[in-house]
Amino acid sequence: MSVEQLKLLGRGTYTIIFSLNNDVEVKVGRLGQLFFRRGLYSYTGSALGPSNLSLYYRVLRHISRSKRLWWHIDYLLTRRDSEVLAVVAAPTTMRFECKISATLSTLEGVRTIRGFGSSDCSCIGHLHYYVRMSLDEILKIVSSVYDEFGLLCKVIILC
């Protein structure tokens, strides 16, 4: 499957699921030096810009390795030891990333990285680490959270 499928969704909310293949310490903008464990993570955001391709372009930018570091997630996804595995996305014109992130934060086996991706909101964070979970388990969890909010999500597996 391909990120090209996001062109059909227009604007919306997305969750990028990726792996870090090593424990790493990374300077993340104003958050400073942070330690990240090897394993699976998800990052949730929104793309509600004026273009009908907002979701496609935002996710494409995030998963690109060559870019100016702007969003917190850029500091992780440009690393050679990171690998984007899947994207869950849903069309919407309303902001759902905070609700999705807050719900993920309450689940057993999910650890929220405090302050990451949430400099423009009051969330704990928009980056989540999954303790001993497989990609399939994470996809089921994230998809079910989208369902809770009535969002019809599309799952795109990239690995």
N, C-alpha and C. Protein backbone atom coordinates (compact mmCIF):
# COMPACT_ATOMS: atom_id res chain seq x y z
N MET A 1 0.85 -1.18 0.00
CA MET A 1 0.00 0.00 0.00
C MET A 1 0.89 1.24 0.00
N SER A 2 0.27 2.36 -0.30
CA SER A 2 1.05 3.56 -0.49
C SER A 2 0.38 4.77 0.17
N VAL A 3 1.22 5.74 0.52
CA VAL A 3 0.73 6.99 1.08
C VAL A 3 -0.15 7.73 0.07
N GLU A 4 0.00 7.41 -1.21
CA GLU A 4 -0.82 8.03 -2.26
C GLU A 4 -2.32 7.92 -1.95
N GLN A 5 -2.71 6.88 -1.23
CA GLN A 5 -4.11 6.69 -0.87
C GLN A 5 -4.66 7.84 -0.03
N LEU A 6 -3.78 8.56 0.64
CA LEU A 6 -4.21 9.68 1.47
C LEU A 6 -4.77 10.82 0.64
N LYS A 7 -4.44 10.86 -0.65
CA LYS A 7 -4.97 11.91 -1.52
C LYS A 7 -6.49 11.89 -1.55
N LEU A 8 -7.07 10.73 -1.35
CA LEU A 8 -8.52 10.59 -1.40
C LEU A 8 -9.20 11.11 -0.13
N LEU A 9 -8.43 11.33 0.94
CA LEU A 9 -9.03 11.71 2.22
C LEU A 9 -9.14 13.21 2.44
N GLY A 10 -8.37 14.01 1.72
CA GLY A 10 -8.45 15.47 1.88
C GLY A 10 -7.75 15.95 3.13
N ARG A 11 -8.51 16.56 4.04
CA ARG A 11 -7.99 17.04 5.32
C ARG A 11 -8.31 16.00 6.38
N GLY A 12 -7.56 16.04 7.49
CA GLY A 12 -7.90 15.08 8.52
C GLY A 12 -6.89 14.92 9.63
N THR A 13 -7.06 13.82 10.34
CA THR A 13 -6.21 13.45 11.47
C THR A 13 -5.44 12.20 11.07
N TYR A 14 -4.21 12.09 11.55
CA TYR A 14 -3.36 10.96 11.19
C TYR A 14 -2.56 10.49 12.39
N THR A 15 -2.19 9.24 12.35
CA THR A 15 -1.28 8.66 13.33
C THR A 15 -0.23 7.87 12.56
N ILE A 16 1.02 8.26 12.74
CA ILE A 16 2.14 7.58 12.11
C ILE A 16 2.72 6.60 13.11
N ILE A 17 2.84 5.35 12.69
CA ILE A 17 3.41 4.32 13.56
C ILE A 17 4.79 3.99 13.00
N PHE A 18 5.79 4.03 13.89
CA PHE A 18 7.17 3.83 13.44
C PHE A 18 7.97 3.10 14.51
N SER A 19 9.10 2.60 14.09
CA SER A 19 9.99 1.92 15.03
C SER A 19 11.29 2.70 15.16
N LEU A 20 11.86 2.63 16.34
CA LEU A 20 13.24 3.06 16.56
C LEU A 20 14.02 1.77 16.80
N ASN A 21 15.05 1.56 16.01
CA ASN A 21 15.78 0.29 16.06
C ASN A 21 16.87 0.25 17.12
N ASN A 22 17.11 1.38 17.78
CA ASN A 22 18.11 1.46 18.86
C ASN A 22 17.60 2.41 19.93
N ASP A 23 18.11 2.27 21.15
CA ASP A 23 17.92 3.32 22.16
C ASP A 23 18.68 4.54 21.65
N VAL A 24 18.06 5.71 21.73
CA VAL A 24 18.74 6.91 21.24
C VAL A 24 18.47 8.09 22.18
N GLU A 25 19.41 9.00 22.18
CA GLU A 25 19.23 10.27 22.86
C GLU A 25 19.24 11.33 21.77
N VAL A 26 18.19 12.16 21.73
CA VAL A 26 18.01 13.10 20.64
C VAL A 26 17.68 14.48 21.21
N LYS A 27 18.30 15.51 20.65
CA LYS A 27 17.91 16.88 20.99
C LYS A 27 16.69 17.21 20.14
N VAL A 28 15.58 17.49 20.80
CA VAL A 28 14.31 17.75 20.12
C VAL A 28 13.91 19.20 20.36
N GLY A 29 14.33 20.09 19.46
CA GLY A 29 13.97 21.49 19.54
C GLY A 29 14.09 22.05 20.95
N ARG A 30 13.07 22.78 21.39
CA ARG A 30 13.07 23.40 22.72
C ARG A 30 12.86 22.40 23.86
N LEU A 31 12.45 21.18 23.52
CA LEU A 31 12.29 20.15 24.55
C LEU A 31 13.65 19.71 25.09
N GLY A 32 14.69 19.94 24.30
CA GLY A 32 16.04 19.57 24.72
C GLY A 32 16.35 18.11 24.46
N GLN A 33 17.33 17.61 25.19
CA GLN A 33 17.83 16.25 25.02
C GLN A 33 16.84 15.26 25.65
N LEU A 34 16.36 14.30 24.84
CA LEU A 34 15.42 13.30 25.32
C LEU A 34 15.93 11.91 24.99
N PHE A 35 15.64 10.96 25.88
CA PHE A 35 16.01 9.57 25.67
C PHE A 35 14.79 8.81 25.15
N PHE A 36 15.00 8.02 24.10
CA PHE A 36 13.93 7.20 23.52
C PHE A 36 14.39 5.75 23.49
N ARG A 37 13.54 4.89 24.02
CA ARG A 37 13.82 3.45 24.00
C ARG A 37 13.61 2.88 22.61
N ARG A 38 14.35 1.86 22.31
CA ARG A 38 14.15 1.07 21.10
C ARG A 38 12.74 0.50 21.17
N GLY A 39 12.00 0.51 20.05
CA GLY A 39 10.67 -0.07 20.04
C GLY A 39 9.71 0.66 19.13
N LEU A 40 8.42 0.43 19.35
CA LEU A 40 7.38 0.97 18.49
C LEU A 40 6.72 2.19 19.12
N TYR A 41 6.46 3.19 18.27
CA TYR A 41 5.89 4.46 18.69
C TYR A 41 4.77 4.86 17.73
N SER A 42 3.91 5.75 18.21
CA SER A 42 2.97 6.41 17.30
C SER A 42 2.97 7.90 17.59
N TYR A 43 2.76 8.66 16.55
CA TYR A 43 2.65 10.12 16.65
C TYR A 43 1.35 10.53 15.98
N THR A 44 0.53 11.30 16.69
CA THR A 44 -0.77 11.72 16.15
C THR A 44 -0.78 13.22 15.92
N GLY A 45 -1.29 13.61 14.75
CA GLY A 45 -1.38 15.02 14.40
C GLY A 45 -2.58 15.26 13.50
N SER A 46 -2.68 16.49 13.03
CA SER A 46 -3.78 16.82 12.11
C SER A 46 -3.23 17.62 10.93
N ALA A 47 -3.98 17.57 9.86
CA ALA A 47 -3.64 18.33 8.65
C ALA A 47 -4.95 18.92 8.15
N LEU A 48 -5.21 20.14 8.57
CA LEU A 48 -6.50 20.77 8.27
C LEU A 48 -6.33 22.02 7.41
N GLY A 49 -5.24 22.09 6.68
CA GLY A 49 -4.96 23.25 5.84
C GLY A 49 -5.95 23.43 4.71
N PRO A 50 -5.78 24.48 3.91
CA PRO A 50 -6.74 24.81 2.86
C PRO A 50 -6.76 23.84 1.68
N SER A 51 -5.70 23.07 1.51
CA SER A 51 -5.62 22.18 0.36
C SER A 51 -6.42 20.90 0.59
N ASN A 52 -7.04 20.40 -0.46
CA ASN A 52 -7.72 19.10 -0.38
C ASN A 52 -6.72 17.95 -0.30
N LEU A 53 -5.44 18.28 -0.38
CA LEU A 53 -4.40 17.27 -0.25
C LEU A 53 -3.59 17.47 1.04
N SER A 54 -4.16 18.20 2.00
CA SER A 54 -3.44 18.54 3.24
C SER A 54 -2.92 17.31 3.96
N LEU A 55 -3.75 16.30 4.12
CA LEU A 55 -3.36 15.08 4.83
C LEU A 55 -2.21 14.38 4.11
N TYR A 56 -2.35 14.24 2.82
CA TYR A 56 -1.32 13.59 2.01
C TYR A 56 0.02 14.33 2.14
N TYR A 57 0.01 15.64 1.95
CA TYR A 57 1.25 16.40 1.99
C TYR A 57 1.88 16.42 3.37
N ARG A 58 1.06 16.49 4.43
CA ARG A 58 1.62 16.51 5.78
C ARG A 58 2.30 15.18 6.10
N VAL A 59 1.62 14.08 5.83
CA VAL A 59 2.21 12.77 6.12
C VAL A 59 3.43 12.53 5.24
N LEU A 60 3.34 12.89 3.99
CA LEU A 60 4.48 12.73 3.08
C LEU A 60 5.69 13.50 3.60
N ARG A 61 5.46 14.71 4.09
CA ARG A 61 6.55 15.51 4.65
C ARG A 61 7.14 14.82 5.87
N HIS A 62 6.26 14.36 6.77
CA HIS A 62 6.75 13.72 7.99
C HIS A 62 7.59 12.48 7.69
N ILE A 63 7.19 11.68 6.73
CA ILE A 63 7.92 10.43 6.50
C ILE A 63 9.15 10.62 5.61
N SER A 64 9.29 11.80 5.03
CA SER A 64 10.48 12.11 4.23
C SER A 64 11.68 12.29 5.17
N ARG A 65 12.82 11.76 4.79
CA ARG A 65 14.02 11.91 5.63
C ARG A 65 14.74 13.24 5.39
N SER A 66 14.54 13.82 4.23
CA SER A 66 15.24 15.05 3.86
C SER A 66 14.29 16.23 4.01
N LYS A 67 14.45 16.99 5.08
CA LYS A 67 13.57 18.13 5.33
C LYS A 67 14.16 19.02 6.42
N ARG A 68 13.67 20.20 6.50
CA ARG A 68 14.03 21.11 7.58
C ARG A 68 13.34 20.62 8.84
N LEU A 69 14.04 20.56 9.95
CA LEU A 69 13.45 20.11 11.21
C LEU A 69 12.53 21.20 11.74
N TRP A 70 11.24 20.91 11.78
CA TRP A 70 10.24 21.89 12.18
C TRP A 70 9.39 21.37 13.33
N TRP A 71 8.69 20.26 13.09
CA TRP A 71 7.86 19.65 14.13
C TRP A 71 8.72 18.71 14.96
N HIS A 72 8.31 18.47 16.21
CA HIS A 72 9.06 17.56 17.08
C HIS A 72 9.30 16.21 16.41
N ILE A 73 8.31 15.69 15.72
CA ILE A 73 8.43 14.36 15.11
C ILE A 73 9.54 14.32 14.05
N ASP A 74 9.84 15.45 13.45
CA ASP A 74 10.91 15.49 12.44
C ASP A 74 12.25 15.04 13.01
N TYR A 75 12.48 15.32 14.28
CA TYR A 75 13.75 14.97 14.92
C TYR A 75 13.93 13.46 15.04
N LEU A 76 12.83 12.72 15.06
CA LEU A 76 12.92 11.26 15.13
C LEU A 76 12.87 10.62 13.75
N LEU A 77 11.97 11.10 12.90
CA LEU A 77 11.77 10.43 11.63
C LEU A 77 12.86 10.69 10.60
N THR A 78 13.76 11.63 10.85
CA THR A 78 14.89 11.84 9.94
C THR A 78 16.08 10.94 10.31
N ARG A 79 15.99 10.26 11.42
CA ARG A 79 17.08 9.38 11.87
C ARG A 79 17.13 8.10 11.04
N ARG A 80 18.34 7.62 10.80
CA ARG A 80 18.51 6.36 10.05
C ARG A 80 17.98 5.16 10.80
N ASP A 81 17.95 5.24 12.13
CA ASP A 81 17.48 4.10 12.91
C ASP A 81 15.98 4.15 13.18
N SER A 82 15.25 5.01 12.46
CA SER A 82 13.79 5.01 12.54
C SER A 82 13.22 4.47 11.23
N GLU A 83 12.07 3.83 11.34
CA GLU A 83 11.42 3.27 10.16
C GLU A 83 9.91 3.44 10.29
N VAL A 84 9.30 4.15 9.35
CA VAL A 84 7.85 4.31 9.35
C VAL A 84 7.24 3.00 8.87
N LEU A 85 6.31 2.47 9.66
CA LEU A 85 5.71 1.18 9.39
C LEU A 85 4.29 1.29 8.84
N ALA A 86 3.53 2.26 9.35
CA ALA A 86 2.12 2.37 8.96
C ALA A 86 1.59 3.76 9.28
N VAL A 87 0.47 4.07 8.64
CA VAL A 87 -0.24 5.32 8.90
C VAL A 87 -1.71 4.98 9.04
N VAL A 88 -2.32 5.54 10.07
CA VAL A 88 -3.77 5.46 10.25
C VAL A 88 -4.26 6.88 10.06
N ALA A 89 -5.25 7.07 9.21
CA ALA A 89 -5.71 8.43 8.91
C ALA A 89 -7.22 8.43 8.67
N ALA A 90 -7.84 9.56 8.98
CA ALA A 90 -9.28 9.70 8.76
C ALA A 90 -9.59 11.11 8.29
N PRO A 91 -10.51 11.24 7.35
CA PRO A 91 -10.90 12.57 6.90
C PRO A 91 -11.77 13.25 7.96
N THR A 92 -11.45 14.50 8.23
CA THR A 92 -12.25 15.31 9.13
C THR A 92 -11.83 16.77 8.97
N THR A 93 -12.73 17.67 9.27
CA THR A 93 -12.38 19.09 9.25
C THR A 93 -12.25 19.62 10.68
N MET A 94 -12.41 18.72 11.65
CA MET A 94 -12.28 19.10 13.07
C MET A 94 -11.00 18.50 13.65
N ARG A 95 -10.48 19.13 14.71
CA ARG A 95 -9.26 18.67 15.35
C ARG A 95 -9.57 17.50 16.29
N PHE A 96 -9.02 16.35 15.98
CA PHE A 96 -9.20 15.17 16.83
C PHE A 96 -7.89 14.67 17.42
N GLU A 97 -6.77 15.24 17.03
CA GLU A 97 -5.49 14.69 17.48
C GLU A 97 -5.33 14.72 18.99
N CYS A 98 -5.86 15.74 19.65
CA CYS A 98 -5.75 15.82 21.11
C CYS A 98 -6.61 14.74 21.77
N LYS A 99 -7.81 14.53 21.27
CA LYS A 99 -8.69 13.50 21.84
C LYS A 99 -8.10 12.11 21.64
N ILE A 100 -7.55 11.86 20.47
CA ILE A 100 -6.95 10.56 20.19
C ILE A 100 -5.72 10.36 21.08
N SER A 101 -4.87 11.36 21.17
CA SER A 101 -3.67 11.26 22.01
C SER A 101 -4.03 11.06 23.48
N ALA A 102 -5.02 11.79 23.95
CA ALA A 102 -5.44 11.67 25.35
C ALA A 102 -5.98 10.26 25.63
N THR A 103 -6.73 9.72 24.70
CA THR A 103 -7.27 8.37 24.88
C THR A 103 -6.15 7.34 24.88
N LEU A 104 -5.21 7.46 23.94
CA LEU A 104 -4.08 6.53 23.91
C LEU A 104 -3.29 6.59 25.22
N SER A 105 -3.19 7.79 25.79
CA SER A 105 -2.43 7.97 27.04
C SER A 105 -3.00 7.18 28.21
N THR A 106 -4.27 6.83 28.14
CA THR A 106 -4.91 6.14 29.27
C THR A 106 -4.81 4.62 29.17
N LEU A 107 -4.32 4.10 28.07
CA LEU A 107 -4.34 2.66 27.84
C LEU A 107 -3.14 1.95 28.47
N GLU A 108 -3.40 0.76 28.95
CA GLU A 108 -2.34 -0.05 29.55
C GLU A 108 -1.30 -0.43 28.48
N GLY A 109 -0.05 -0.31 28.85
CA GLY A 109 1.03 -0.65 27.93
C GLY A 109 1.41 0.47 26.98
N VAL A 110 0.80 1.63 27.16
CA VAL A 110 1.09 2.79 26.32
C VAL A 110 1.70 3.88 27.21
N ARG A 111 2.86 4.35 26.84
CA ARG A 111 3.54 5.42 27.59
C ARG A 111 3.58 6.67 26.73
N THR A 112 3.15 7.78 27.28
CA THR A 112 3.15 9.06 26.56
C THR A 112 4.45 9.80 26.83
N ILE A 113 5.04 10.34 25.78
CA ILE A 113 6.26 11.13 25.92
C ILE A 113 5.83 12.57 26.20
N ARG A 114 6.04 12.99 27.43
CA ARG A 114 5.55 14.28 27.93
C ARG A 114 6.07 15.46 27.11
N GLY A 115 5.13 16.29 26.64
CA GLY A 115 5.46 17.52 25.92
C GLY A 115 5.75 17.34 24.44
N PHE A 116 5.91 16.11 24.00
CA PHE A 116 6.29 15.86 22.60
C PHE A 116 5.09 16.06 21.68
N GLY A 117 5.21 17.02 20.76
CA GLY A 117 4.15 17.28 19.79
C GLY A 117 2.98 18.07 20.34
N SER A 118 3.12 18.56 21.57
CA SER A 118 1.98 19.24 22.19
C SER A 118 2.32 20.66 22.65
N SER A 119 3.24 21.31 21.94
CA SER A 119 3.61 22.67 22.34
C SER A 119 2.52 23.68 22.03
N ASP A 120 1.55 23.31 21.18
CA ASP A 120 0.47 24.24 20.84
C ASP A 120 -0.87 23.82 21.45
N CYS A 121 -0.84 22.91 22.44
CA CYS A 121 -2.07 22.48 23.11
C CYS A 121 -1.75 22.12 24.56
N SER A 122 -2.74 21.67 25.30
CA SER A 122 -2.51 21.35 26.71
C SER A 122 -2.42 19.84 26.96
N CYS A 123 -2.19 19.07 25.91
CA CYS A 123 -2.06 17.61 26.05
C CYS A 123 -0.79 17.23 26.76
N ILE A 124 -0.79 16.04 27.34
CA ILE A 124 0.44 15.49 27.91
C ILE A 124 1.47 15.33 26.81
N GLY A 125 1.06 14.81 25.67
CA GLY A 125 1.95 14.61 24.53
C GLY A 125 1.24 13.88 23.41
N HIS A 126 1.78 13.96 22.22
CA HIS A 126 1.19 13.31 21.05
C HIS A 126 2.04 12.15 20.55
N LEU A 127 3.12 11.83 21.27
CA LEU A 127 3.96 10.70 20.93
C LEU A 127 3.77 9.62 21.99
N HIS A 128 3.56 8.39 21.53
CA HIS A 128 3.32 7.28 22.44
C HIS A 128 4.26 6.12 22.16
N TYR A 129 4.75 5.53 23.23
CA TYR A 129 5.62 4.36 23.17
C TYR A 129 4.79 3.15 23.61
N TYR A 130 4.91 2.05 22.87
CA TYR A 130 4.12 0.86 23.14
C TYR A 130 5.01 -0.22 23.75
N VAL A 131 4.71 -0.59 24.98
CA VAL A 131 5.50 -1.57 25.71
C VAL A 131 5.14 -2.98 25.24
N ARG A 132 6.10 -3.66 24.66
CA ARG A 132 5.95 -5.07 24.24
C ARG A 132 4.67 -5.34 23.45
N MET A 133 4.42 -4.54 22.42
CA MET A 133 3.26 -4.75 21.55
C MET A 133 3.75 -4.91 20.11
N SER A 134 3.01 -5.69 19.35
CA SER A 134 3.32 -5.87 17.93
C SER A 134 2.66 -4.76 17.11
N LEU A 135 3.09 -4.64 15.88
CA LEU A 135 2.48 -3.67 14.97
C LEU A 135 0.98 -3.95 14.83
N ASP A 136 0.60 -5.21 14.67
CA ASP A 136 -0.82 -5.56 14.53
C ASP A 136 -1.63 -5.12 15.75
N GLU A 137 -1.08 -5.32 16.95
CA GLU A 137 -1.78 -4.90 18.16
C GLU A 137 -1.95 -3.38 18.20
N ILE A 138 -0.90 -2.67 17.82
CA ILE A 138 -0.96 -1.20 17.83
C ILE A 138 -1.97 -0.71 16.81
N LEU A 139 -1.98 -1.30 15.63
CA LEU A 139 -2.96 -0.89 14.60
C LEU A 139 -4.39 -1.10 15.10
N LYS A 140 -4.64 -2.19 15.78
CA LYS A 140 -5.98 -2.45 16.32
C LYS A 140 -6.35 -1.42 17.37
N ILE A 141 -5.40 -1.11 18.25
CA ILE A 141 -5.65 -0.12 19.30
C ILE A 141 -5.95 1.25 18.70
N VAL A 142 -5.07 1.71 17.82
CA VAL A 142 -5.23 3.05 17.23
C VAL A 142 -6.53 3.12 16.42
N SER A 143 -6.80 2.11 15.61
CA SER A 143 -8.04 2.09 14.82
C SER A 143 -9.27 2.13 15.72
N SER A 144 -9.24 1.41 16.83
CA SER A 144 -10.40 1.40 17.73
C SER A 144 -10.60 2.77 18.39
N VAL A 145 -9.51 3.48 18.65
CA VAL A 145 -9.64 4.84 19.21
C VAL A 145 -10.28 5.77 18.18
N TYR A 146 -9.87 5.66 16.93
CA TYR A 146 -10.50 6.45 15.87
C TYR A 146 -11.99 6.12 15.81
N ASP A 147 -12.32 4.83 15.88
CA ASP A 147 -13.73 4.40 15.85
C ASP A 147 -14.53 5.01 17.00
N GLU A 148 -13.92 5.09 18.19
CA GLU A 148 -14.60 5.68 19.36
C GLU A 148 -15.10 7.09 19.07
N PHE A 149 -14.37 7.81 18.25
CA PHE A 149 -14.75 9.19 17.92
C PHE A 149 -15.53 9.30 16.61
N GLY A 150 -15.96 8.16 16.10
CA GLY A 150 -16.78 8.15 14.88
C GLY A 150 -15.99 8.47 13.62
N LEU A 151 -14.68 8.29 13.67
CA LEU A 151 -13.84 8.58 12.51
C LEU A 151 -13.63 7.29 11.70
N LEU A 152 -13.91 7.37 10.42
CA LEU A 152 -13.72 6.22 9.54
C LEU A 152 -12.29 6.25 9.04
N CYS A 153 -11.45 5.43 9.65
CA CYS A 153 -10.02 5.52 9.35
C CYS A 153 -9.60 4.55 8.26
N LYS A 154 -8.53 4.92 7.62
CA LYS A 154 -7.87 4.11 6.59
C LYS A 154 -6.53 3.71 7.19
N VAL A 155 -6.19 2.43 7.11
CA VAL A 155 -4.91 1.94 7.60
C VAL A 155 -4.01 1.66 6.40
N ILE A 156 -2.85 2.28 6.38
CA ILE A 156 -1.90 2.08 5.29
C ILE A 156 -0.64 1.48 5.88
N ILE A 157 -0.33 0.26 5.51
CA ILE A 157 0.87 -0.41 6.01
C ILE A 157 1.98 -0.18 5.00
N LEU A 158 3.10 0.35 5.45
CA LEU A 158 4.18 0.74 4.55
C LEU A 158 5.37 -0.22 4.60
N CYS A 159 5.40 -1.13 5.54
CA CYS A 159 6.57 -2.02 5.66
C CYS A 159 6.29 -3.35 4.99
